[in-house]
PDB file of N, CA and C in Angstrom:
ATOM      1  N   MET A   1     -96.383 141.981 -30.100  1.00  0.00           N
ATOM      2  CA  MET A   1     -95.495 140.909 -30.494  1.00  0.00           C
ATOM      3  C   MET A   1     -96.323 139.743 -31.026  1.00  0.00           C
ATOM      4  N   ALA A   2     -95.989 139.275 -32.195  1.00  0.00           N
ATOM      5  CA  ALA A   2     -96.752 138.209 -32.834  1.00  0.00           C
ATOM      6  C   ALA A   2     -96.467 136.860 -32.178  1.00  0.00           C
ATOM      7  N   GLN A   3     -97.503 136.092 -31.999  1.00  0.00           N
ATOM      8  CA  GLN A   3     -97.393 134.729 -31.472  1.00  0.00           C
ATOM      9  C   GLN A   3     -96.944 133.808 -32.588  1.00  0.00           C
ATOM     10  N   GLU A   4     -96.050 132.891 -32.291  1.00  0.00           N
ATOM     11  CA  GLU A   4     -95.632 131.911 -33.288  1.00  0.00           C
ATOM     12  C   GLU A   4     -96.385 130.610 -33.046  1.00  0.00           C
ATOM     13  N   TYR A   5     -96.723 129.922 -34.128  1.00  0.00           N
ATOM     14  CA  TYR A   5     -97.542 128.726 -34.029  1.00  0.00           C
ATOM     15  C   TYR A   5     -96.907 127.490 -34.654  1.00  0.00           C
ATOM     16  N   VAL A   6     -95.853 127.674 -35.428  1.00  0.00           N
ATOM     17  CA  VAL A   6     -95.236 126.553 -36.145  1.00  0.00           C
ATOM     18  C   VAL A   6     -93.747 126.531 -35.829  1.00  0.00           C
ATOM     19  N   GLU A   7     -93.234 125.326 -35.635  1.00  0.00           N
ATOM     20  CA  GLU A   7     -91.802 125.162 -35.443  1.00  0.00           C
ATOM     21  C   GLU A   7     -91.301 124.024 -36.311  1.00  0.00           C
ATOM     22  N   LYS A   8     -90.039 124.122 -36.671  1.00  0.00           N
ATOM     23  CA  LYS A   8     -89.417 123.058 -37.452  1.00  0.00           C
ATOM     24  C   LYS A   8     -88.703 122.145 -36.471  1.00  0.00           C
ATOM     25  N   ARG A   9     -89.071 120.875 -36.490  1.00  0.00           N
ATOM     26  CA  ARG A   9     -88.451 119.855 -35.645  1.00  0.00           C
ATOM     27  C   ARG A   9     -87.937 118.757 -36.540  1.00  0.00           C
ATOM     28  N   ASN A  10     -86.703 118.374 -36.310  1.00  0.00           N
ATOM     29  CA  ASN A  10     -86.077 117.367 -37.155  1.00  0.00           C
ATOM     30  C   ASN A  10     -86.204 117.834 -38.602  1.00  0.00           C
ATOM     31  N   SER A  11     -86.903 117.105 -39.428  1.00  0.00           N
ATOM     32  CA  SER A  11     -87.033 117.533 -40.822  1.00  0.00           C
ATOM     33  C   SER A  11     -88.468 117.920 -41.172  1.00  0.00           C
ATOM     34  N   GLY A  12     -89.307 118.130 -40.157  1.00  0.00           N
ATOM     35  CA  GLY A  12     -90.700 118.461 -40.418  1.00  0.00           C
ATOM     36  C   GLY A  12     -91.162 119.683 -39.666  1.00  0.00           C
ATOM     37  N   TYR A  13     -92.354 120.144 -40.005  1.00  0.00           N
ATOM     38  CA  TYR A  13     -92.976 121.292 -39.349  1.00  0.00           C
ATOM     39  C   TYR A  13     -94.120 120.794 -38.463  1.00  0.00           C
ATOM     40  N   TYR A  14     -94.228 121.393 -37.268  1.00  0.00           N
ATOM     41  CA  TYR A  14     -95.235 120.981 -36.300  1.00  0.00           C
ATOM     42  C   TYR A  14     -95.848 122.197 -35.630  1.00  0.00           C
ATOM     43  N   VAL A  15     -97.065 122.005 -35.117  1.00  0.00           N
ATOM     44  CA  VAL A  15     -97.697 123.029 -34.304  1.00  0.00           C
ATOM     45  C   VAL A  15     -96.920 123.069 -32.990  1.00  0.00           C
ATOM     46  N   ILE A  16     -96.476 124.257 -32.595  1.00  0.00           N
ATOM     47  CA  ILE A  16     -95.684 124.400 -31.372  1.00  0.00           C
ATOM     48  C   ILE A  16     -96.460 123.823 -30.185  1.00  0.00           C
ATOM     49  N   GLY A  17     -95.741 123.033 -29.390  1.00  0.00           N
ATOM     50  CA  GLY A  17     -96.332 122.457 -28.184  1.00  0.00           C
ATOM     51  C   GLY A  17     -97.225 121.258 -28.433  1.00  0.00           C
ATOM     52  N   SER A  18     -97.146 120.695 -29.640  1.00  0.00           N
ATOM     53  CA  SER A  18     -97.992 119.541 -29.955  1.00  0.00           C
ATOM     54  C   SER A  18     -97.226 118.553 -30.829  1.00  0.00           C
ATOM     55  N   ARG A  19     -97.864 117.436 -31.064  1.00  0.00           N
ATOM     56  CA  ARG A  19     -97.307 116.451 -31.993  1.00  0.00           C
ATOM     57  C   ARG A  19     -98.034 116.507 -33.339  1.00  0.00           C
ATOM     58  N   VAL A  20     -98.842 117.518 -33.559  1.00  0.00           N
ATOM     59  CA  VAL A  20     -99.617 117.662 -34.790  1.00  0.00           C
ATOM     60  C   VAL A  20     -98.733 118.299 -35.857  1.00  0.00           C
ATOM     61  N   SER A  21     -98.648 117.625 -36.998  1.00  0.00           N
ATOM     62  CA  SER A  21     -97.818 118.138 -38.094  1.00  0.00           C
ATOM     63  C   SER A  21     -98.528 119.263 -38.837  1.00  0.00           C
ATOM     64  N   LEU A  22     -97.737 120.083 -39.480  1.00  0.00           N
ATOM     65  CA  LEU A  22     -98.264 121.159 -40.323  1.00  0.00           C
ATOM     66  C   LEU A  22     -99.186 120.578 -41.396  1.00  0.00           C
ATOM     67  N   GLU A  23     -98.779 119.451 -41.977  1.00  0.00           N
ATOM     68  CA  GLU A  23     -99.575 118.820 -43.032  1.00  0.00           C
ATOM     69  C   GLU A  23    -100.980 118.471 -42.554  1.00  0.00           C
ATOM     70  N   SER A  24    -101.091 118.074 -41.283  1.00  0.00           N
ATOM     71  CA  SER A  24    -102.384 117.677 -40.728  1.00  0.00           C
ATOM     72  C   SER A  24    -103.376 118.831 -40.695  1.00  0.00           C
ATOM     73  N   VAL A  25    -102.870 120.053 -40.678  1.00  0.00           N
ATOM     74  CA  VAL A  25    -103.736 121.235 -40.702  1.00  0.00           C
ATOM     75  C   VAL A  25    -103.870 121.773 -42.123  1.00  0.00           C
ATOM     76  N   VAL A  26    -102.766 121.827 -42.856  1.00  0.00           N
ATOM     77  CA  VAL A  26    -102.767 122.453 -44.177  1.00  0.00           C
ATOM     78  C   VAL A  26    -103.572 121.647 -45.204  1.00  0.00           C
ATOM     79  N   TYR A  27    -103.382 120.329 -45.243  1.00  0.00           N
ATOM     80  CA  TYR A  27    -104.109 119.551 -46.249  1.00  0.00           C
ATOM     81  C   TYR A  27    -105.624 119.663 -46.103  1.00  0.00           C
ATOM     82  N   PRO A  28    -106.190 119.518 -44.902  1.00  0.00           N
ATOM     83  CA  PRO A  28    -107.653 119.719 -44.801  1.00  0.00           C
ATOM     84  C   PRO A  28    -108.069 121.145 -45.170  1.00  0.00           C
ATOM     85  N   PHE A  29    -107.260 122.146 -44.786  1.00  0.00           N
ATOM     86  CA  PHE A  29    -107.563 123.531 -45.151  1.00  0.00           C
ATOM     87  C   PHE A  29    -107.621 123.681 -46.666  1.00  0.00           C
ATOM     88  N   LEU A  30    -106.635 123.116 -47.361  1.00  0.00           N
ATOM     89  CA  LEU A  30    -106.615 123.209 -48.822  1.00  0.00           C
ATOM     90  C   LEU A  30    -107.771 122.439 -49.459  1.00  0.00           C
ATOM     91  N   ASP A  31    -108.287 121.465 -48.717  1.00  0.00           N
ATOM     92  CA  ASP A  31    -109.415 120.686 -49.210  1.00  0.00           C
ATOM     93  C   ASP A  31    -110.745 121.363 -48.896  1.00  0.00           C
ATOM     94  N   GLY A  32    -110.686 122.535 -48.260  1.00  0.00           N
ATOM     95  CA  GLY A  32    -111.907 123.296 -48.008  1.00  0.00           C
ATOM     96  C   GLY A  32    -112.443 123.196 -46.594  1.00  0.00           C
ATOM     97  N   ALA A  33    -111.746 122.485 -45.710  1.00  0.00           N
ATOM     98  CA  ALA A  33    -112.214 122.373 -44.329  1.00  0.00           C
ATOM     99  C   ALA A  33    -112.048 123.715 -43.625  1.00  0.00           C
ATOM    100  N   SER A  34    -113.006 124.044 -42.795  1.00  0.00           N
ATOM    101  CA  SER A  34    -112.916 125.275 -42.014  1.00  0.00           C
ATOM    102  C   SER A  34    -111.971 125.051 -40.832  1.00  0.00           C
ATOM    103  N   PRO A  35    -111.415 126.114 -40.285  1.00  0.00           N
ATOM    104  CA  PRO A  35    -110.583 125.964 -39.096  1.00  0.00           C
ATOM    105  C   PRO A  35    -111.337 125.261 -37.952  1.00  0.00           C
ATOM    106  N   GLU A  36    -112.629 125.536 -37.824  1.00  0.00           N
ATOM    107  CA  GLU A  36    -113.428 124.881 -36.782  1.00  0.00           C
ATOM    108  C   GLU A  36    -113.490 123.375 -36.993  1.00  0.00           C
ATOM    109  N   THR A  37    -113.620 122.950 -38.233  1.00  0.00           N
ATOM    110  CA  THR A  37    -113.641 121.521 -38.551  1.00  0.00           C
ATOM    111  C   THR A  37    -112.295 120.882 -38.231  1.00  0.00           C
ATOM    112  N   ILE A  38    -111.226 121.588 -38.519  1.00  0.00           N
ATOM    113  CA  ILE A  38    -109.888 121.072 -38.236  1.00  0.00           C
ATOM    114  C   ILE A  38    -109.701 120.915 -36.726  1.00  0.00           C
ATOM    115  N   VAL A  39    -110.194 121.872 -35.939  1.00  0.00           N
ATOM    116  CA  VAL A  39    -110.124 121.754 -34.475  1.00  0.00           C
ATOM    117  C   VAL A  39    -110.919 120.540 -34.015  1.00  0.00           C
ATOM    118  N   ASP A  40    -112.057 120.274 -34.640  1.00  0.00           N
ATOM    119  CA  ASP A  40    -112.838 119.085 -34.289  1.00  0.00           C
ATOM    120  C   ASP A  40    -112.027 117.813 -34.519  1.00  0.00           C
ATOM    121  N   GLU A  41    -111.203 117.802 -35.561  1.00  0.00           N
ATOM    122  CA  GLU A  41    -110.367 116.637 -35.878  1.00  0.00           C
ATOM    123  C   GLU A  41    -109.153 116.537 -34.959  1.00  0.00           C
ATOM    124  N   PHE A  42    -108.695 117.663 -34.444  1.00  0.00           N
ATOM    125  CA  PHE A  42    -107.517 117.719 -33.570  1.00  0.00           C
ATOM    126  C   PHE A  42    -107.868 118.506 -32.319  1.00  0.00           C
ATOM    127  N   PRO A  43    -108.601 117.891 -31.397  1.00  0.00           N
ATOM    128  CA  PRO A  43    -109.084 118.627 -30.229  1.00  0.00           C
ATOM    129  C   PRO A  43    -107.985 119.125 -29.295  1.00  0.00           C
ATOM    130  N   THR A  44    -106.745 118.666 -29.480  1.00  0.00           N
ATOM    131  CA  THR A  44    -105.647 119.196 -28.663  1.00  0.00           C
ATOM    132  C   THR A  44    -105.219 120.575 -29.144  1.00  0.00           C
ATOM    133  N   LEU A  45    -105.679 120.981 -30.325  1.00  0.00           N
ATOM    134  CA  LEU A  45    -105.343 122.300 -30.858  1.00  0.00           C
ATOM    135  C   LEU A  45    -106.465 123.287 -30.561  1.00  0.00           C
ATOM    136  N   SER A  46    -106.079 124.533 -30.352  1.00  0.00           N
ATOM    137  CA  SER A  46    -107.071 125.596 -30.191  1.00  0.00           C
ATOM    138  C   SER A  46    -107.381 126.183 -31.569  1.00  0.00           C
ATOM    139  N   LEU A  47    -108.482 126.888 -31.640  1.00  0.00           N
ATOM    140  CA  LEU A  47    -108.842 127.562 -32.882  1.00  0.00           C
ATOM    141  C   LEU A  47    -107.769 128.581 -33.247  1.00  0.00           C
ATOM    142  N   GLU A  48    -107.220 129.252 -32.256  1.00  0.00           N
ATOM    143  CA  GLU A  48    -106.147 130.212 -32.498  1.00  0.00           C
ATOM    144  C   GLU A  48    -104.929 129.536 -33.123  1.00  0.00           C
ATOM    145  N   GLN A  49    -104.574 128.356 -32.629  1.00  0.00           N
ATOM    146  CA  GLN A  49    -103.437 127.642 -33.196  1.00  0.00           C
ATOM    147  C   GLN A  49    -103.678 127.278 -34.661  1.00  0.00           C
ATOM    148  N   VAL A  50    -104.870 126.802 -34.957  1.00  0.00           N
ATOM    149  CA  VAL A  50    -105.188 126.415 -36.342  1.00  0.00           C
ATOM    150  C   VAL A  50    -105.107 127.634 -37.262  1.00  0.00           C
ATOM    151  N   TYR A  51    -105.697 128.748 -36.850  1.00  0.00           N
ATOM    152  CA  TYR A  51    -105.579 129.969 -37.656  1.00  0.00           C
ATOM    153  C   TYR A  51    -104.120 130.398 -37.783  1.00  0.00           C
ATOM    154  N   GLY A  52    -103.345 130.215 -36.717  1.00  0.00           N
ATOM    155  CA  GLY A  52    -101.926 130.564 -36.759  1.00  0.00           C
ATOM    156  C   GLY A  52    -101.159 129.726 -37.760  1.00  0.00           C
ATOM    157  N   VAL A  53    -101.455 128.420 -37.807  1.00  0.00           N
ATOM    158  CA  VAL A  53    -100.799 127.534 -38.769  1.00  0.00           C
ATOM    159  C   VAL A  53    -101.191 127.920 -40.192  1.00  0.00           C
ATOM    160  N   ILE A  54    -102.458 128.194 -40.405  1.00  0.00           N
ATOM    161  CA  ILE A  54    -102.923 128.598 -41.736  1.00  0.00           C
ATOM    162  C   ILE A  54    -102.249 129.904 -42.156  1.00  0.00           C
ATOM    163  N   THR A  55    -102.149 130.853 -41.237  1.00  0.00           N
ATOM    164  CA  THR A  55    -101.482 132.123 -41.529  1.00  0.00           C
ATOM    165  C   THR A  55    -100.016 131.888 -41.864  1.00  0.00           C
ATOM    166  N   PHE A  56     -99.356 131.019 -41.096  1.00  0.00           N
ATOM    167  CA  PHE A  56     -97.958 130.677 -41.374  1.00  0.00           C
ATOM    168  C   PHE A  56     -97.830 130.091 -42.779  1.00  0.00           C
ATOM    169  N   TYR A  57     -98.726 129.160 -43.113  1.00  0.00           N
ATOM    170  CA  TYR A  57     -98.691 128.543 -44.440  1.00  0.00           C
ATOM    171  C   TYR A  57     -98.859 129.602 -45.535  1.00  0.00           C
ATOM    172  N   LEU A  58     -99.861 130.445 -45.396  1.00  0.00           N
ATOM    173  CA  LEU A  58    -100.116 131.454 -46.427  1.00  0.00           C
ATOM    174  C   LEU A  58     -98.964 132.446 -46.554  1.00  0.00           C
ATOM    175  N   GLY A  59     -98.314 132.753 -45.451  1.00  0.00           N
ATOM    176  CA  GLY A  59     -97.196 133.682 -45.474  1.00  0.00           C
ATOM    177  C   GLY A  59     -95.905 133.076 -46.011  1.00  0.00           C
ATOM    178  N   ASN A  60     -95.845 131.754 -46.036  1.00  0.00           N
ATOM    179  CA  ASN A  60     -94.639 131.044 -46.476  1.00  0.00           C
ATOM    180  C   ASN A  60     -94.990 129.987 -47.523  1.00  0.00           C
ATOM    181  N   ARG A  61     -95.963 130.290 -48.333  1.00  0.00           N
ATOM    182  CA  ARG A  61     -96.556 129.294 -49.218  1.00  0.00           C
ATOM    183  C   ARG A  61     -95.557 128.641 -50.163  1.00  0.00           C
ATOM    184  N   ALA A  62     -94.692 129.393 -50.780  1.00  0.00           N
ATOM    185  CA  ALA A  62     -93.739 128.803 -51.728  1.00  0.00           C
ATOM    186  C   ALA A  62     -92.822 127.808 -51.012  1.00  0.00           C
ATOM    187  N   GLU A  63     -92.292 128.212 -49.870  1.00  0.00           N
ATOM    188  CA  GLU A  63     -91.400 127.338 -49.103  1.00  0.00           C
ATOM    189  C   GLU A  63     -92.123 126.081 -48.622  1.00  0.00           C
ATOM    190  N   ILE A  64     -93.329 126.240 -48.099  1.00  0.00           N
ATOM    191  CA  ILE A  64     -94.066 125.101 -47.556  1.00  0.00           C
ATOM    192  C   ILE A  64     -94.563 124.197 -48.673  1.00  0.00           C
ATOM    193  N   ASP A  65     -94.994 124.756 -49.800  1.00  0.00           N
ATOM    194  CA  ASP A  65     -95.397 123.906 -50.927  1.00  0.00           C
ATOM    195  C   ASP A  65     -94.218 123.062 -51.409  1.00  0.00           C
ATOM    196  N   THR A  66     -93.025 123.647 -51.443  1.00  0.00           N
ATOM    197  CA  THR A  66     -91.823 122.886 -51.813  1.00  0.00           C
ATOM    198  C   THR A  66     -91.586 121.775 -50.804  1.00  0.00           C
ATOM    199  N   TYR A  67     -91.688 122.094 -49.519  1.00  0.00           N
ATOM    200  CA  TYR A  67     -91.520 121.102 -48.457  1.00  0.00           C
ATOM    201  C   TYR A  67     -92.541 119.971 -48.612  1.00  0.00           C
ATOM    202  N   LEU A  68     -93.807 120.309 -48.855  1.00  0.00           N
ATOM    203  CA  LEU A  68     -94.846 119.288 -49.001  1.00  0.00           C
ATOM    204  C   LEU A  68     -94.571 118.389 -50.200  1.00  0.00           C
ATOM    205  N   THR A  69     -94.131 118.973 -51.307  1.00  0.00           N
ATOM    206  CA  THR A  69     -93.798 118.197 -52.503  1.00  0.00           C
ATOM    207  C   THR A  69     -92.631 117.259 -52.231  1.00  0.00           C
ATOM    208  N   GLU A  70     -91.591 117.769 -51.570  1.00  0.00           N
ATOM    209  CA  GLU A  70     -90.428 116.939 -51.256  1.00  0.00           C
ATOM    210  C   GLU A  70     -90.800 115.809 -50.310  1.00  0.00           C
ATOM    211  N   THR A  71     -91.623 116.114 -49.322  1.00  0.00           N
ATOM    212  CA  THR A  71     -92.062 115.087 -48.374  1.00  0.00           C
ATOM    213  C   THR A  71     -92.862 114.002 -49.085  1.00  0.00           C
ATOM    214  N   GLU A  72     -93.725 114.424 -49.989  1.00  0.00           N
ATOM    215  CA  GLU A  72     -94.519 113.454 -50.747  1.00  0.00           C
ATOM    216  C   GLU A  72     -93.624 112.565 -51.598  1.00  0.00           C
ATOM    217  N   MET A  73     -92.593 113.146 -52.196  1.00  0.00           N
ATOM    218  CA  MET A  73     -91.659 112.358 -53.012  1.00  0.00           C
ATOM    219  C   MET A  73     -90.897 111.360 -52.141  1.00  0.00           C
ATOM    220  N   GLN A  74     -90.514 111.750 -50.929  1.00  0.00           N
ATOM    221  CA  GLN A  74     -89.828 110.837 -50.013  1.00  0.00           C
ATOM    222  C   GLN A  74     -90.726 109.675 -49.632  1.00  0.00           C
ATOM    223  N   TRP A  75     -91.997 109.978 -49.369  1.00  0.00           N
ATOM    224  CA  TRP A  75     -92.946 108.914 -49.042  1.00  0.00           C
ATOM    225  C   TRP A  75     -93.132 107.981 -50.237  1.00  0.00           C
ATOM    226  N   GLU A  76     -93.197 108.541 -51.426  1.00  0.00           N
ATOM    227  CA  GLU A  76     -93.350 107.719 -52.632  1.00  0.00           C
ATOM    228  C   GLU A  76     -92.146 106.802 -52.812  1.00  0.00           C
ATOM    229  N   ASP A  77     -90.941 107.323 -52.612  1.00  0.00           N
ATOM    230  CA  ASP A  77     -89.731 106.500 -52.697  1.00  0.00           C
ATOM    231  C   ASP A  77     -89.758 105.385 -51.660  1.00  0.00           C
ATOM    232  N   ALA A  78     -90.177 105.722 -50.449  1.00  0.00           N
ATOM    233  CA  ALA A  78     -90.246 104.713 -49.385  1.00  0.00           C
ATOM    234  C   ALA A  78     -91.262 103.631 -49.739  1.00  0.00           C
ATOM    235  N   ARG A  79     -92.390 104.031 -50.311  1.00  0.00           N
ATOM    236  CA  ARG A  79     -93.410 103.040 -50.711  1.00  0.00           C
ATOM    237  C   ARG A  79     -92.875 102.101 -51.781  1.00  0.00           C
ATOM    238  N   LYS A  80     -92.106 102.640 -52.714  1.00  0.00           N
ATOM    239  CA  LYS A  80     -91.563 101.817 -53.791  1.00  0.00           C
ATOM    240  C   LYS A  80     -90.587 100.771 -53.272  1.00  0.00           C
ATOM    241  N   ASN A  81     -89.911 101.065 -52.162  1.00  0.00           N
ATOM    242  CA  ASN A  81     -88.904 100.167 -51.614  1.00  0.00           C
ATOM    243  C   ASN A  81     -89.445  99.204 -50.566  1.00  0.00           C
ATOM    244  N   GLN A  82     -90.741  99.223 -50.325  1.00  0.00           N
ATOM    245  CA  GLN A  82     -91.356  98.325 -49.346  1.00  0.00           C
ATOM    246  C   GLN A  82     -91.669  96.976 -49.987  1.00  0.00           C
ATOM    247  N   PRO A  83     -91.671  95.913 -49.182  1.00  0.00           N
ATOM    248  CA  PRO A  83     -92.069  94.608 -49.717  1.00  0.00           C
ATOM    249  C   PRO A  83     -93.544  94.640 -50.126  1.00  0.00           C
ATOM    250  N   PRO A  84     -93.957  93.718 -50.983  1.00  0.00           N
ATOM    251  CA  PRO A  84     -95.358  93.690 -51.431  1.00  0.00           C
ATOM    252  C   PRO A  84     -96.315  93.577 -50.238  1.00  0.00           C
ATOM    253  N   ILE A  85     -97.473  94.224 -50.376  1.00  0.00           N
ATOM    254  CA  ILE A  85     -98.487  94.165 -49.330  1.00  0.00           C
ATOM    255  C   ILE A  85     -99.742  93.517 -49.901  1.00  0.00           C
ATOM    256  N   PRO A  86    -100.578  92.959 -49.040  1.00  0.00           N
ATOM    257  CA  PRO A  86    -101.812  92.324 -49.526  1.00  0.00           C
ATOM    258  C   PRO A  86    -102.647  93.302 -50.349  1.00  0.00           C
ATOM    259  N   SER A  87    -103.344  92.785 -51.346  1.00  0.00           N
ATOM    260  CA  SER A  87    -104.067  93.642 -52.285  1.00  0.00           C
ATOM    261  C   SER A  87    -105.154  94.478 -51.617  1.00  0.00           C
ATOM    262  N   ALA A  88    -105.872  93.954 -50.629  1.00  0.00           N
ATOM    263  CA  ALA A  88    -106.928  94.735 -49.969  1.00  0.00           C
ATOM    264  C   ALA A  88    -106.325  95.947 -49.248  1.00  0.00           C
ATOM    265  N   LEU A  89    -105.228  95.734 -48.579  1.00  0.00           N
ATOM    266  CA  LEU A  89    -104.567  96.844 -47.897  1.00  0.00           C
ATOM    267  C   LEU A  89    -104.000  97.822 -48.919  1.00  0.00           C
ATOM    268  N   ARG A  90    -103.451  97.315 -50.016  1.00  0.00           N
ATOM    269  CA  ARG A  90    -102.905  98.172 -51.065  1.00  0.00           C
ATOM    270  C   ARG A  90    -103.987  99.087 -51.626  1.00  0.00           C
ATOM    271  N   GLN A  91    -105.175  98.542 -51.826  1.00  0.00           N
ATOM    272  CA  GLN A  91    -106.273  99.353 -52.357  1.00  0.00           C
ATOM    273  C   GLN A  91    -106.666 100.465 -51.383  1.00  0.00           C
ATOM    274  N   ARG A  92    -106.730 100.156 -50.098  1.00  0.00           N
ATOM    275  CA  ARG A  92    -107.063 101.172 -49.092  1.00  0.00           C
ATOM    276  C   ARG A  92    -105.996 102.259 -49.047  1.00  0.00           C
ATOM    277  N   LEU A  93    -104.743 101.862 -49.102  1.00  0.00           N
ATOM    278  CA  LEU A  93    -103.654 102.836 -49.081  1.00  0.00           C
ATOM    279  C   LEU A  93    -103.666 103.719 -50.328  1.00  0.00           C
ATOM    280  N   GLU A  94    -103.963 103.130 -51.465  1.00  0.00           N
ATOM    281  CA  GLU A  94    -104.010 103.898 -52.721  1.00  0.00           C
ATOM    282  C   GLU A  94    -105.132 104.936 -52.673  1.00  0.00           C
ATOM    283  N   ARG A  95    -106.280 104.573 -52.135  1.00  0.00           N
ATOM    284  CA  ARG A  95    -107.386 105.541 -51.998  1.00  0.00           C
ATOM    285  C   ARG A  95    -106.962 106.704 -51.091  1.00  0.00           C
ATOM    286  N   ALA A  96    -106.303 106.386 -49.978  1.00  0.00           N
ATOM    287  CA  ALA A  96    -105.848 107.432 -49.059  1.00  0.00           C
ATOM    288  C   ALA A  96    -104.805 108.324 -49.738  1.00  0.00           C
ATOM    289  N   ARG A  97    -103.892 107.729 -50.508  1.00  0.00           N
ATOM    290  CA  ARG A  97    -102.864 108.499 -51.203  1.00  0.00           C
ATOM    291  C   ARG A  97    -103.498 109.452 -52.205  1.00  0.00           C
ATOM    292  N   ARG A  98    -104.487 108.972 -52.953  1.00  0.00           N
ATOM    293  CA  ARG A  98    -105.158 109.834 -53.932  1.00  0.00           C
ATOM    294  C   ARG A  98    -105.848 111.004 -53.249  1.00  0.00           C
ATOM    295  N   GLN A  99    -106.446 110.770 -52.096  1.00  0.00           N
ATOM    296  CA  GLN A  99    -107.090 111.864 -51.366  1.00  0.00           C
ATOM    297  C   GLN A  99    -106.062 112.896 -50.936  1.00  0.00           C
ATOM    298  N   LEU A 100    -104.923 112.440 -50.450  1.00  0.00           N
ATOM    299  CA  LEU A 100    -103.885 113.375 -50.006  1.00  0.00           C
ATOM    300  C   LEU A 100    -103.282 114.142 -51.170  1.00  0.00           C
ATOM    301  N   THR A 101    -103.008 113.472 -52.271  1.00  0.00           N
ATOM    302  CA  THR A 101    -102.371 114.165 -53.389  1.00  0.00           C
ATOM    303  C   THR A 101    -103.325 115.136 -54.053  1.00  0.00           C
ATOM    304  N   SER A 102    -104.616 114.927 -53.929  1.00  0.00           N
ATOM    305  CA  SER A 102    -105.559 115.879 -54.518  1.00  0.00           C
ATOM    306  C   SER A 102    -105.458 117.233 -53.826  1.00  0.00           C
ATOM    307  N   HIS A 103    -105.003 117.256 -52.576  1.00  0.00           N
ATOM    308  CA  HIS A 103    -104.834 118.520 -51.843  1.00  0.00           C
ATOM    309  C   HIS A 103    -103.741 119.372 -52.476  1.00  0.00           C
ATOM    310  N   LYS A 104    -102.701 118.742 -52.989  1.00  0.00           N
ATOM    311  CA  LYS A 104    -101.584 119.486 -53.571  1.00  0.00           C
ATOM    312  C   LYS A 104    -102.061 120.331 -54.753  1.00  0.00           C
ATOM    313  N   PHE A 105    -102.934 119.774 -55.566  1.00  0.00           N
ATOM    314  CA  PHE A 105    -103.400 120.486 -56.742  1.00  0.00           C
ATOM    315  C   PHE A 105    -104.305 121.657 -56.382  1.00  0.00           C
ATOM    316  N   LEU A 106    -104.987 121.579 -55.271  1.00  0.00           N
ATOM    317  CA  LEU A 106    -105.837 122.682 -54.831  1.00  0.00           C
ATOM    318  C   LEU A 106    -105.008 123.885 -54.420  1.00  0.00           C
ATOM    319  N   ALA A 107    -103.765 123.650 -54.028  1.00  0.00           N
ATOM    320  CA  ALA A 107    -102.893 124.751 -53.607  1.00  0.00           C
ATOM    321  C   ALA A 107    -102.587 125.680 -54.781  1.00  0.00           C
ATOM    322  N   ASP A 108    -102.674 125.166 -55.990  1.00  0.00           N
ATOM    323  CA  ASP A 108    -102.367 125.965 -57.163  1.00  0.00           C
ATOM    324  C   ASP A 108    -103.555 126.803 -57.623  1.00  0.00           C
ATOM    325  N   VAL A 109    -104.718 126.573 -57.026  1.00  0.00           N
ATOM    326  CA  VAL A 109    -105.932 127.285 -57.455  1.00  0.00           C
ATOM    327  C   VAL A 109    -105.940 128.682 -56.915  1.00  0.00           C
TER     328      VAL A 109
END
């Protein structure tokens, strides 16, 4: 019997038994991080869980890529509707956004 590692909660996907989102594992994986490196970043997860999430992603790639795109669009809409933020913080947020969006393009490789 296969072990399940991902569950859908509310409108997002999470590692079962944790508060770690699917995105937190998938984006570093798509950026070339090894499962061991991802475990180092999320010590509450086991190596088995990380491999399980990656396997889930690969087995459901079209559905999850659609979910990731939709989630990114929702975040973009929310950012557009926020009041202005100080320029230094805006620059830091923009750098982080560019790093995250670069992961999406790697999924197509």
